[in-house]
Amino acid sequence: MNDPLNDTVHDRRRFLTYAAGVAGLIALGQVPGGPTDPTPALSGNPFTLGVASGDPRPDSVVLWTRLAPQPLADDGLGGMPREPVPVRWEVAEDDGMRKVVRKGVATARPELAHAVHVEVDGLRPGREYWYRFTVGVETSPTARTKTAPDPGWATEVSFAWASCQQWEAGFYTAYRDLAAQDLDLVGHLGDYIYEYAIGASGGNRKTPLSAAHNAAVMTLSQYRLRYALVNSDPDLRAARAAAPWFLVPDDHDVEDNWGADRSPTGMTPENFLRRRAAAFRAYFENLPLRPSTLPAGPDMSFYQRIKYGKLATFHALDERQFRSPADINARLDPNRTMLGEQQERWLLDGLGGSHSTWNLLANQVQMFQLDRLTDPGLQQLNPDTWDGYAAGRNRLWAGIAARKVSNPVVITGDAHVNCAAEIKADYADPASPTVSVEFLGTSITSGGNGSDTSPGGQEWLAANPHLKFFNNQRGYVRCHLGPDTLRADYVVVDKVTTPGGAASVRKSFVVESGRPAIQDV
């Protein structure tokens, strides 16, 4: 089958026709226990990219793997033959895989880089399961997943989130620590890959790479190869095998600072849509997403709600596909939008109808206002964040206030620093009411080792009284939700540019239910 993602793009119609055919292949590959193709001879262990689970529901979870006996083959196909391969899967109630409760066969097809996305239904709410895959005589590592609690249960929730894991910037030490935590859920808030060329020495990794990596990522085969490089990391594989994930993309998953159909580098709309289609397709292939999210060419559905019992609902947002062009001078224009009209309405309707104690807005870019200059006569705002869409931010929080939403809390990635801030009704008046809190988590590796603080961070704290904490190290955020409190722990690592770093909790905060204020622990 010729792949239009590696050819010239004329319009979305061609993408949609192709995507419908691929979607049909996915459906055929999801029949549990159905007829199977013979297993072709493979050149090695096909599970080099590990296994993962995602999108948990009270009775369901998605299982993922991608077969790749030669994960860094330059063509991005992982050393697989261009034919379908049957993949057996099992789900058990014990880590020894003795009490198997669900099993079946999926088909890994070359059209999707031999990835499989298995929707397992009929599971029990709020409990751990273990799963594995088998191809021929090769069996994957056994991994853990967990279903969401029953909607009527007031089950406490432990989760973590991460973002910004530029492979060549350093080692995924933070993921090694995350994998050791007893988590119900892990969120990834964007920049799973970076699209930059990587030199022959592999940056700070000092890992020899072929010339195929030393080019900006543009085509489907290049995006597939970049995901294979990232997913081959052992610490990331361990974290993906430890708990179910939910994911949303940010800019580097396609191109730095892209928005809607626009490339910031002057690429023609046709060529940018081709690049975006390739990026989204590889994103789907390499992550534990439901088959229904298969992109239709350059369009893909990302925003969703994940309900966790009575205590929590995660509202995962898409802040790239529908945004108005970046323009800091038009930040107060009420016609400009970060989310797009349809997603904004979906978010407010969902928040208004939510009966959860805590409503988490899983958000890619910083939402609180951040003036980067202490000079009282000047402001320096980042147009790529919600500061570039201040009218839309005001409209969103006015809608949340009007609906009397219970405990809205913003969790964020992107910025490569740790911040804890209060979201104000009026940033021009420090005494104005606090309407929410935002916990912004740092990068896994992007930015290198960092430091506990920085001159810029001290200036931010001085210029923004609603900013309560700044840290410039790498790591992730761990959170525990109960009926009365939310606790956020900022986990940092002392180094990422060399292996063997140590993780520790740099700072912890608590938010009380019904009181939108950040309190030190």
Protein backbone atom coordinates (compact mmCIF):
# COMPACT_ATOMS: atom_id res chain seq x y z
CA MET A 1 0.00 0.00 0.00
CA ASN A 2 1.44 3.42 -0.95
CA ASP A 3 1.51 5.74 2.04
CA PRO A 4 0.30 9.28 1.32
CA LEU A 5 2.03 10.50 4.46
CA ASN A 6 5.33 10.09 2.66
CA ASP A 7 4.02 11.60 -0.59
CA THR A 8 2.80 15.03 -1.63
CA VAL A 9 -0.39 16.24 0.04
CA HIS A 10 -3.18 17.83 -1.98
CA ASP A 11 -5.93 18.20 0.63
CA ARG A 12 -7.56 16.59 3.65
CA ARG A 13 -9.87 14.46 1.47
CA ARG A 14 -7.05 12.17 0.39
CA PHE A 15 -5.98 11.71 4.01
CA LEU A 16 -9.51 10.83 5.08
CA THR A 17 -9.86 8.15 2.41
CA TYR A 18 -6.59 6.57 3.44
CA ALA A 19 -7.38 6.81 7.17
CA ALA A 20 -10.70 5.02 6.65
CA GLY A 21 -8.84 2.09 5.14
CA VAL A 22 -6.36 1.92 7.99
CA ALA A 23 -9.19 2.16 10.53
CA GLY A 24 -10.76 -0.88 8.92
CA LEU A 25 -7.54 -2.80 9.37
CA ILE A 26 -7.46 -1.86 13.04
CA ALA A 27 -11.01 -3.15 13.49
CA LEU A 28 -10.09 -6.43 11.86
CA GLY A 29 -7.12 -6.74 14.18
CA GLN A 30 -9.18 -6.34 17.34
CA VAL A 31 -11.22 -9.58 17.24
CA PRO A 32 -10.30 -11.54 20.39
CA GLY A 33 -9.43 -15.11 19.62
CA GLY A 34 -10.15 -14.68 15.92
CA PRO A 35 -8.34 -16.36 13.01
CA THR A 36 -4.64 -15.60 12.81
CA ASP A 37 -2.06 -15.27 10.11
CA PRO A 38 1.00 -17.50 10.39
CA THR A 39 3.88 -15.97 12.37
CA PRO A 40 6.72 -14.99 10.02
CA ALA A 41 10.33 -15.50 11.02
CA LEU A 42 11.65 -12.50 12.95
CA SER A 43 15.24 -11.34 13.31
CA GLY A 44 15.17 -11.12 17.12
CA ASN A 45 13.10 -10.28 20.18
CA PRO A 46 10.18 -8.15 18.91
CA PHE A 47 9.49 -6.48 22.29
CA THR A 48 12.45 -4.08 22.38
CA LEU A 49 10.09 -1.10 22.73
CA GLY A 50 8.34 -2.58 25.74
CA VAL A 51 4.63 -2.65 26.52
CA ALA A 52 2.21 -0.07 27.90
CA SER A 53 -1.40 0.48 28.93
CA GLY A 54 -3.59 3.55 28.86
CA ASP A 55 -6.92 5.33 28.98
CA PRO A 56 -8.31 3.43 32.00
CA ARG A 57 -12.04 3.16 32.58
CA PRO A 58 -13.88 1.29 35.37
CA ASP A 59 -14.29 -1.77 33.12
CA SER A 60 -11.69 -1.26 30.43
CA VAL A 61 -8.09 -0.42 29.57
CA VAL A 62 -6.01 -0.23 26.38
CA LEU A 63 -2.97 -2.48 25.98
CA TRP A 64 -0.17 -1.51 23.59
CA THR A 65 2.98 -2.87 22.08
CA ARG A 66 4.89 -2.33 18.85
CA LEU A 67 6.97 -5.12 17.35
CA ALA A 68 10.52 -4.05 16.52
CA PRO A 69 13.34 -6.63 16.65
CA GLN A 70 15.65 -3.93 15.20
CA PRO A 71 14.13 -0.80 16.76
CA LEU A 72 16.63 1.67 15.27
CA ALA A 73 16.50 0.43 11.70
CA ASP A 74 16.83 3.58 9.59
CA ASP A 75 13.57 3.07 7.70
CA GLY A 76 11.55 3.35 10.93
CA LEU A 77 9.98 -0.10 10.48
CA GLY A 78 11.89 -1.78 13.29
CA GLY A 79 13.29 -4.65 11.25
CA MET A 80 9.84 -6.17 10.71
CA PRO A 81 8.71 -7.95 7.54
CA ARG A 82 6.04 -6.18 5.52
CA GLU A 83 3.29 -8.63 6.47
CA PRO A 84 0.78 -9.02 9.29
CA VAL A 85 1.83 -10.76 12.49
CA PRO A 86 -0.51 -12.36 15.08
CA VAL A 87 0.07 -11.13 18.62
CA ARG A 88 -1.45 -13.03 21.52
CA TRP A 89 -2.34 -11.09 24.64
CA GLU A 90 -3.37 -12.08 28.15
CA VAL A 91 -4.69 -10.19 31.18
CA ALA A 92 -4.47 -11.75 34.63
CA GLU A 93 -5.36 -10.89 38.22
CA ASP A 94 -1.88 -11.80 39.47
CA ASP A 95 1.64 -10.90 38.46
CA GLY A 96 2.49 -14.56 37.90
CA MET A 97 -0.15 -14.67 35.11
CA ARG A 98 -1.85 -17.73 36.64
CA LYS A 99 -5.36 -16.24 36.96
CA VAL A 100 -5.96 -15.17 33.36
CA VAL A 101 -9.31 -13.38 32.99
CA ARG A 102 -9.11 -12.09 29.40
CA LYS A 103 -7.08 -13.18 26.38
CA GLY A 104 -7.16 -12.93 22.63
CA VAL A 105 -5.21 -12.32 19.44
CA ALA A 106 -4.55 -8.99 17.78
CA THR A 107 -2.94 -8.47 14.39
CA ALA A 108 0.11 -6.25 14.11
CA ARG A 109 0.04 -4.80 10.60
CA PRO A 110 2.78 -3.07 8.62
CA GLU A 111 0.44 -0.16 7.81
CA LEU A 112 0.69 0.81 11.50
CA ALA A 113 4.36 -0.08 11.99
CA HIS A 114 3.29 -3.39 13.61
CA ALA A 115 1.72 -1.62 16.59
CA VAL A 116 -1.27 -3.12 18.38
CA HIS A 117 -3.86 -1.30 20.49
CA VAL A 118 -6.09 -3.80 22.31
CA GLU A 119 -9.21 -2.54 24.08
CA VAL A 120 -9.83 -4.99 26.92
CA ASP A 121 -13.38 -4.81 28.28
CA GLY A 122 -15.24 -6.65 31.02
CA LEU A 123 -12.74 -5.86 33.77
CA ARG A 124 -13.56 -5.05 37.37
CA PRO A 125 -13.32 -1.44 38.61
CA GLY A 126 -10.51 -0.08 40.73
CA ARG A 127 -8.23 -3.09 40.68
CA GLU A 128 -4.81 -4.06 39.47
CA TYR A 129 -4.25 -6.35 36.51
CA TRP A 130 -1.14 -7.70 34.81
CA TYR A 131 -0.71 -8.34 31.11
CA ARG A 132 1.72 -9.63 28.49
CA PHE A 133 2.02 -10.31 24.77
CA THR A 134 3.38 -13.29 22.85
CA VAL A 135 4.63 -13.54 19.27
CA GLY A 136 5.76 -16.99 18.19
CA VAL A 137 8.07 -18.23 20.95
CA GLU A 138 8.83 -14.72 22.26
CA THR A 139 6.92 -13.32 25.25
CA SER A 140 7.02 -9.73 26.42
CA PRO A 141 7.79 -8.64 29.97
CA THR A 142 4.75 -8.77 32.27
CA ALA A 143 3.42 -5.31 33.08
CA ARG A 144 0.95 -3.79 35.54
CA THR A 145 -2.17 -1.77 34.82
CA LYS A 146 -5.18 -0.65 36.84
CA THR A 147 -8.78 0.18 36.05
CA ALA A 148 -10.47 3.37 37.23
CA PRO A 149 -12.68 3.15 40.32
CA ASP A 150 -16.43 2.71 40.12
CA PRO A 151 -18.11 6.12 39.64
CA GLY A 152 -19.81 5.76 43.01
CA TRP A 153 -16.64 5.04 45.00
CA ALA A 154 -14.78 7.71 46.97
CA THR A 155 -11.45 6.03 46.25
CA GLU A 156 -8.33 8.10 46.87
CA VAL A 157 -6.15 8.56 43.79
CA SER A 158 -2.36 8.66 43.41
CA PHE A 159 -1.04 9.89 40.09
CA ALA A 160 1.92 11.63 38.52
CA TRP A 161 2.56 13.70 35.44
CA ALA A 162 5.57 14.43 33.27
CA SER A 163 6.50 16.26 30.06
CA CYS A 164 9.38 17.37 27.83
CA GLN A 165 11.74 14.42 27.47
CA GLN A 166 14.28 15.47 24.85
CA TRP A 167 16.26 12.25 24.39
CA GLU A 168 19.66 13.75 23.59
CA ALA A 169 19.46 16.21 26.51
CA GLY A 170 20.01 13.50 29.09
CA PHE A 171 18.95 10.32 30.83
CA TYR A 172 15.42 9.44 31.94
CA THR A 173 16.44 9.08 35.58
CA ALA A 174 13.17 10.60 36.77
CA TYR A 175 11.23 7.79 35.09
CA ARG A 176 13.24 5.21 37.01
CA ASP A 177 11.94 6.80 40.22
CA LEU A 178 8.40 7.18 38.87
CA ALA A 179 8.29 3.49 37.97
CA ALA A 180 8.96 2.57 41.61
CA GLN A 181 5.92 4.51 42.89
CA ASP A 182 2.57 2.81 43.51
CA LEU A 183 0.54 4.93 41.10
CA ASP A 184 -2.98 4.61 39.79
CA LEU A 185 -2.33 6.74 36.71
CA VAL A 186 0.42 8.64 34.87
CA GLY A 187 -0.24 11.65 32.65
CA HIS A 188 2.07 12.91 29.93
CA LEU A 189 1.40 16.54 29.00
CA GLY A 190 3.38 16.87 25.81
CA ASP A 191 6.76 16.90 24.08
CA TYR A 192 7.08 13.13 24.22
CA ILE A 193 9.57 13.48 21.38
CA TYR A 194 11.55 16.41 19.97
CA GLU A 195 11.79 16.98 16.25
CA TYR A 196 15.37 18.28 16.17
CA ALA A 197 18.26 16.57 14.43
CA ILE A 198 20.47 14.49 16.74
CA GLY A 199 24.18 14.25 15.99
CA ALA A 200 26.21 11.09 15.57
CA SER A 201 27.30 11.03 19.24
CA GLY A 202 23.74 11.20 20.63
CA GLY A 203 24.17 14.44 22.57
CA ASN A 204 24.56 13.98 26.33
CA ARG A 205 23.79 10.28 25.94
CA LYS A 206 27.07 9.73 24.07
CA THR A 207 25.38 6.89 22.21
CA PRO A 208 26.45 6.40 18.57
CA LEU A 209 23.59 6.98 16.14
CA SER A 210 23.27 6.53 12.41
CA ALA A 211 23.01 9.47 10.03
CA ALA A 212 19.24 8.90 9.80
CA HIS A 213 18.86 10.63 13.18
CA ASN A 214 20.85 13.71 12.12
CA ALA A 215 18.03 15.50 10.31
CA ALA A 216 14.94 17.42 11.36
CA VAL A 217 12.04 15.00 11.70
CA MET A 218 9.56 15.56 8.85
CA THR A 219 8.29 12.27 7.39
CA LEU A 220 6.42 9.30 8.80
CA SER A 221 9.49 7.07 8.71
CA GLN A 222 11.50 9.73 10.57
CA TYR A 223 8.84 10.17 13.26
CA ARG A 224 8.63 6.39 13.68
CA LEU A 225 12.39 6.21 14.12
CA ARG A 226 12.38 9.01 16.70
CA TYR A 227 9.67 7.27 18.75
CA ALA A 228 11.64 4.04 18.57
CA LEU A 229 14.71 5.85 19.91
CA VAL A 230 12.75 7.36 22.80
CA ASN A 231 10.74 4.24 23.65
CA SER A 232 13.83 2.04 23.69
CA ASP A 233 15.02 3.79 26.86
CA PRO A 234 14.90 1.26 29.75
CA ASP A 235 13.71 3.74 32.40
CA LEU A 236 10.86 4.95 30.20
CA ARG A 237 9.93 1.35 29.40
CA ALA A 238 9.76 0.63 33.13
CA ALA A 239 7.53 3.64 33.79
CA ARG A 240 5.19 2.72 30.94
CA ALA A 241 4.92 -0.82 32.32
CA ALA A 242 4.16 0.32 35.88
CA ALA A 243 0.75 2.00 35.49
CA PRO A 244 -1.76 3.13 32.83
CA TRP A 245 -1.07 6.44 31.08
CA PHE A 246 -3.07 9.20 29.47
CA LEU A 247 -1.35 11.51 27.00
CA VAL A 248 -1.81 14.78 25.13
CA PRO A 249 0.70 16.26 22.66
CA ASP A 250 2.35 19.66 22.67
CA ASP A 251 4.35 21.51 20.06
CA HIS A 252 7.58 19.46 19.75
CA ASP A 253 5.55 16.34 19.02
CA VAL A 254 5.09 18.01 15.61
CA GLU A 255 7.13 21.24 15.38
CA ASP A 256 8.21 23.88 17.90
CA ASN A 257 5.44 26.46 18.54
CA TRP A 258 3.04 25.21 15.86
CA GLY A 259 -0.63 26.10 16.09
CA ALA A 260 -3.66 24.95 14.10
CA ASP A 261 -2.65 24.65 10.41
CA ARG A 262 0.30 27.02 10.79
CA SER A 263 4.02 26.36 10.90
CA PRO A 264 6.10 29.07 12.60
CA THR A 265 8.97 28.43 10.17
CA GLY A 266 7.18 29.55 7.03
CA MET A 267 6.43 26.05 5.71
CA THR A 268 3.55 26.07 3.22
CA PRO A 269 0.19 24.93 4.67
CA GLU A 270 0.22 21.85 2.42
CA ASN A 271 3.66 20.75 3.57
CA PHE A 272 2.89 21.50 7.20
CA LEU A 273 -0.29 19.39 7.04
CA ARG A 274 1.78 16.58 5.59
CA ARG A 275 4.22 16.88 8.47
CA ARG A 276 1.41 17.07 11.04
CA ALA A 277 -0.29 14.01 9.58
CA ALA A 278 2.95 12.03 9.81
CA ALA A 279 3.53 13.21 13.39
CA PHE A 280 0.01 12.32 14.53
CA ARG A 281 0.11 8.93 12.88
CA ALA A 282 3.40 8.05 14.60
CA TYR A 283 2.03 9.44 17.88
CA PHE A 284 -0.91 7.05 17.61
CA GLU A 285 1.24 4.09 16.61
CA ASN A 286 3.66 4.42 19.49
CA LEU A 287 1.41 5.22 22.46
CA PRO A 288 -1.36 3.38 24.37
CA LEU A 289 -4.33 5.16 22.78
CA ARG A 290 -7.76 3.80 21.97
CA PRO A 291 -8.19 2.67 18.33
CA SER A 292 -10.98 5.23 17.94
CA THR A 293 -8.38 8.02 18.17
CA LEU A 294 -6.65 6.95 14.95
CA PRO A 295 -5.91 10.26 13.17
CA ALA A 296 -7.73 11.19 10.00
CA GLY A 297 -4.74 12.56 8.16
CA PRO A 298 -3.63 15.79 9.90
CA ASP A 299 -6.61 15.74 12.30
CA MET A 300 -6.70 13.79 15.55
CA SER A 301 -8.97 13.83 18.59
CA PHE A 302 -7.02 14.40 21.81
CA TYR A 303 -9.19 16.16 24.36
CA GLN A 304 -11.06 13.81 26.67
CA ARG A 305 -12.40 13.27 30.18
CA ILE A 306 -11.23 10.49 32.47
CA LYS A 307 -13.37 10.01 35.57
CA TYR A 308 -11.82 8.45 38.67
CA GLY A 309 -14.61 7.50 41.07
CA LYS A 310 -16.35 10.26 42.98
CA LEU A 311 -13.19 12.16 43.83
CA ALA A 312 -11.54 13.10 40.53
CA THR A 313 -12.18 13.90 36.91
CA PHE A 314 -9.28 14.64 34.55
CA HIS A 315 -10.17 17.04 31.73
CA ALA A 316 -7.32 16.54 29.23
CA LEU A 317 -7.03 19.46 26.81
CA ASP A 318 -5.74 20.05 23.27
CA GLU A 319 -4.06 23.45 23.11
CA ARG A 320 -2.51 23.18 19.65
CA GLN A 321 -5.03 22.19 16.96
CA PHE A 322 -7.59 24.96 17.49
CA ARG A 323 -5.67 27.99 18.74
CA SER A 324 -5.67 31.42 17.11
CA PRO A 325 -2.32 32.69 15.77
CA ALA A 326 0.14 33.77 18.46
CA ASP A 327 0.03 37.56 18.89
CA ILE A 328 0.80 39.11 22.26
CA ASN A 329 -0.57 42.46 21.10
CA ALA A 330 -3.98 40.86 20.55
CA ARG A 331 -4.07 39.03 23.89
CA LEU A 332 -7.21 40.90 25.00
CA ASP A 333 -9.14 40.30 21.77
CA PRO A 334 -12.28 38.39 22.82
CA ASN A 335 -12.45 36.67 19.43
CA ARG A 336 -9.14 34.90 19.98
CA THR A 337 -9.08 31.40 21.41
CA MET A 338 -6.67 28.82 22.80
CA LEU A 339 -9.11 25.88 22.78
CA GLY A 340 -11.46 26.65 19.91
CA GLU A 341 -15.18 27.23 20.39
CA GLN A 342 -16.20 23.58 20.38
CA GLN A 343 -13.56 22.39 22.88
CA GLU A 344 -14.16 25.37 25.17
CA ARG A 345 -17.88 24.58 25.25
CA TRP A 346 -17.12 20.87 25.85
CA LEU A 347 -14.82 21.79 28.76
CA LEU A 348 -17.26 24.17 30.43
CA ASP A 349 -20.20 21.79 29.95
CA GLY A 350 -18.18 18.94 31.44
CA LEU A 351 -16.99 21.02 34.36
CA GLY A 352 -20.49 22.29 34.99
CA GLY A 353 -21.90 18.77 34.98
CA SER A 354 -19.12 17.23 37.05
CA HIS A 355 -19.95 15.85 40.50
CA SER A 356 -16.31 15.08 41.30
CA THR A 357 -14.68 16.60 44.36
CA TRP A 358 -11.59 17.54 42.31
CA ASN A 359 -11.56 18.64 38.67
CA LEU A 360 -8.07 18.47 37.15
CA LEU A 361 -7.43 20.49 33.98
CA ALA A 362 -4.57 18.63 32.26
CA ASN A 363 -3.08 21.53 30.39
CA GLN A 364 -0.05 21.76 28.11
CA VAL A 365 1.11 25.37 28.56
CA GLN A 366 1.32 27.70 31.55
CA MET A 367 -2.07 29.18 32.45
CA PHE A 368 -1.26 31.66 35.25
CA GLN A 369 -0.05 35.10 34.17
CA LEU A 370 3.75 35.29 34.22
CA ASP A 371 5.36 38.70 33.89
CA ARG A 372 9.05 38.00 33.31
CA LEU A 373 10.26 41.52 34.21
CA THR A 374 10.35 43.25 37.60
CA ASP A 375 10.19 46.75 36.08
CA PRO A 376 6.71 47.99 37.08
CA GLY A 377 6.36 49.91 33.84
CA LEU A 378 7.02 46.95 31.57
CA GLN A 379 5.59 43.49 30.98
CA GLN A 380 7.17 40.55 29.24
CA LEU A 381 4.63 37.84 28.47
CA ASN A 382 5.00 34.67 26.42
CA PRO A 383 2.54 34.66 23.50
CA ASP A 384 2.65 30.86 23.18
CA THR A 385 1.12 30.38 26.66
CA TRP A 386 -2.29 31.43 27.97
CA ASP A 387 -0.79 34.91 28.42
CA GLY A 388 -1.15 35.28 24.67
CA TYR A 389 -4.85 34.40 24.99
CA ALA A 390 -5.78 36.41 28.09
CA ALA A 391 -9.33 37.14 26.93
CA GLY A 392 -9.93 33.43 26.42
CA ARG A 393 -8.45 32.71 29.85
CA ASN A 394 -10.74 35.29 31.46
CA ARG A 395 -13.73 33.85 29.64
CA LEU A 396 -12.85 30.32 30.76
CA TRP A 397 -12.50 31.22 34.45
CA ALA A 398 -15.65 33.37 34.39
CA GLY A 399 -17.48 30.31 33.03
CA ILE A 400 -15.98 28.09 35.72
CA ALA A 401 -17.02 30.55 38.44
CA ALA A 402 -20.54 30.83 37.04
CA ARG A 403 -20.92 27.05 37.14
CA LYS A 404 -19.61 26.81 40.72
CA VAL A 405 -17.20 24.02 39.72
CA SER A 406 -15.83 22.01 42.63
CA ASN A 407 -12.09 22.44 43.18
CA PRO A 408 -10.72 23.17 39.70
CA VAL A 409 -6.95 22.58 39.71
CA VAL A 410 -4.61 23.10 36.75
CA ILE A 411 -1.72 20.71 36.08
CA THR A 412 0.77 21.75 33.41
CA GLY A 413 4.00 20.84 31.59
CA ASP A 414 6.03 22.56 28.83
CA ALA A 415 8.08 25.17 30.72
CA HIS A 416 11.12 23.07 31.83
CA VAL A 417 10.79 24.50 35.37
CA ASN A 418 8.74 23.77 38.46
CA CYS A 419 6.24 26.42 39.50
CA ALA A 420 3.31 26.57 41.91
CA ALA A 421 0.99 29.53 41.43
CA GLU A 422 -2.42 30.87 42.27
CA ILE A 423 -4.75 31.80 39.43
CA LYS A 424 -6.27 35.19 40.13
CA ALA A 425 -9.52 36.78 39.07
CA ASP A 426 -7.59 39.98 38.26
CA TYR A 427 -3.81 39.91 37.93
CA ALA A 428 -3.63 43.70 38.08
CA ASP A 429 -4.90 43.51 41.66
CA PRO A 430 -2.87 41.19 43.94
CA ALA A 431 -5.71 41.33 46.48
CA SER A 432 -8.27 39.98 44.00
CA PRO A 433 -9.77 36.55 44.72
CA THR A 434 -7.82 33.38 43.94
CA VAL A 435 -10.00 31.21 41.72
CA SER A 436 -7.72 28.17 41.36
CA VAL A 437 -4.18 26.88 41.75
CA GLU A 438 -1.75 25.66 39.13
CA PHE A 439 1.00 23.09 39.58
CA LEU A 440 3.43 23.38 36.68
CA GLY A 441 5.83 20.45 36.39
CA THR A 442 9.34 20.58 35.01
CA SER A 443 10.85 18.55 32.19
CA ILE A 444 12.19 15.01 32.35
CA THR A 445 15.42 16.03 30.57
CA SER A 446 14.90 19.13 28.44
CA GLY A 447 17.20 21.92 29.58
CA GLY A 448 19.88 19.69 31.05
CA ASN A 449 20.73 19.41 34.72
CA GLY A 450 19.38 22.79 35.73
CA SER A 451 19.76 24.21 39.23
CA ASP A 452 17.70 24.73 42.34
CA THR A 453 16.97 28.29 41.29
CA SER A 454 18.18 30.86 38.76
CA PRO A 455 18.39 34.66 38.42
CA GLY A 456 15.45 34.54 36.03
CA GLY A 457 13.42 32.50 38.49
CA GLN A 458 14.13 34.98 41.27
CA GLU A 459 12.94 37.77 38.99
CA TRP A 460 9.76 35.85 38.26
CA LEU A 461 9.04 35.46 41.99
CA ALA A 462 9.64 39.17 42.57
CA ALA A 463 7.42 40.27 39.66
CA ASN A 464 4.52 37.89 40.30
CA PRO A 465 3.17 37.76 43.87
CA HIS A 466 0.80 34.93 42.93
CA LEU A 467 3.82 32.73 42.03
CA LYS A 468 4.67 30.83 45.22
CA PHE A 469 7.45 28.47 44.13
CA PHE A 470 10.13 28.20 41.46
CA ASN A 471 12.70 25.47 40.82
CA ASN A 472 14.91 24.84 37.79
CA GLN A 473 15.74 21.11 38.14
CA ARG A 474 14.46 18.14 36.15
CA GLY A 475 11.86 15.66 37.42
CA TYR A 476 8.11 15.10 37.64
CA VAL A 477 5.16 15.86 39.94
CA ARG A 478 3.49 13.23 42.11
CA CYS A 479 0.02 13.90 43.50
CA HIS A 480 -2.37 12.30 45.96
CA LEU A 481 -6.08 13.16 46.04
CA GLY A 482 -8.32 12.54 49.02
CA PRO A 483 -11.79 13.81 49.88
CA ASP A 484 -10.44 16.80 51.80
CA THR A 485 -6.97 17.55 50.42
CA LEU A 486 -4.77 17.42 47.35
CA ARG A 487 -1.05 16.98 47.95
CA ALA A 488 1.53 17.70 45.23
CA ASP A 489 5.15 16.56 45.60
CA TYR A 490 7.76 18.07 43.29
CA VAL A 491 10.22 15.22 42.65
CA VAL A 492 13.58 16.38 41.28
CA VAL A 493 16.76 14.61 40.19
CA ASP A 494 20.23 15.97 40.84
CA LYS A 495 21.54 15.31 37.33
CA VAL A 496 20.41 14.05 33.93
CA THR A 497 23.38 14.69 31.64
CA THR A 498 25.13 11.65 33.13
CA PRO A 499 23.52 8.44 34.39
CA GLY A 500 23.03 7.51 38.03
CA GLY A 501 21.23 10.59 39.31
CA ALA A 502 19.31 10.54 42.58
CA ALA A 503 15.67 11.58 43.03
CA SER A 504 14.27 13.49 46.00
CA VAL A 505 11.20 15.54 46.89
CA ARG A 506 12.19 19.19 46.58
CA LYS A 507 8.93 20.71 47.82
CA SER A 508 5.40 19.64 48.76
CA PHE A 509 2.17 21.62 48.80
CA VAL A 510 -1.37 20.96 49.97
CA VAL A 511 -4.66 22.38 48.72
CA GLU A 512 -7.74 22.02 50.90
CA SER A 513 -11.08 21.21 49.32
CA GLY A 514 -13.12 24.39 48.94
CA ARG A 515 -10.12 26.65 49.54
CA PRO A 516 -8.13 27.56 46.39
CA ALA A 517 -4.81 28.41 48.03
CA ILE A 518 -1.36 26.81 48.01
CA GLN A 519 -0.15 25.77 51.45
CA ASP A 520 3.35 24.56 52.33
CA VAL A 521 3.68 21.11 53.85
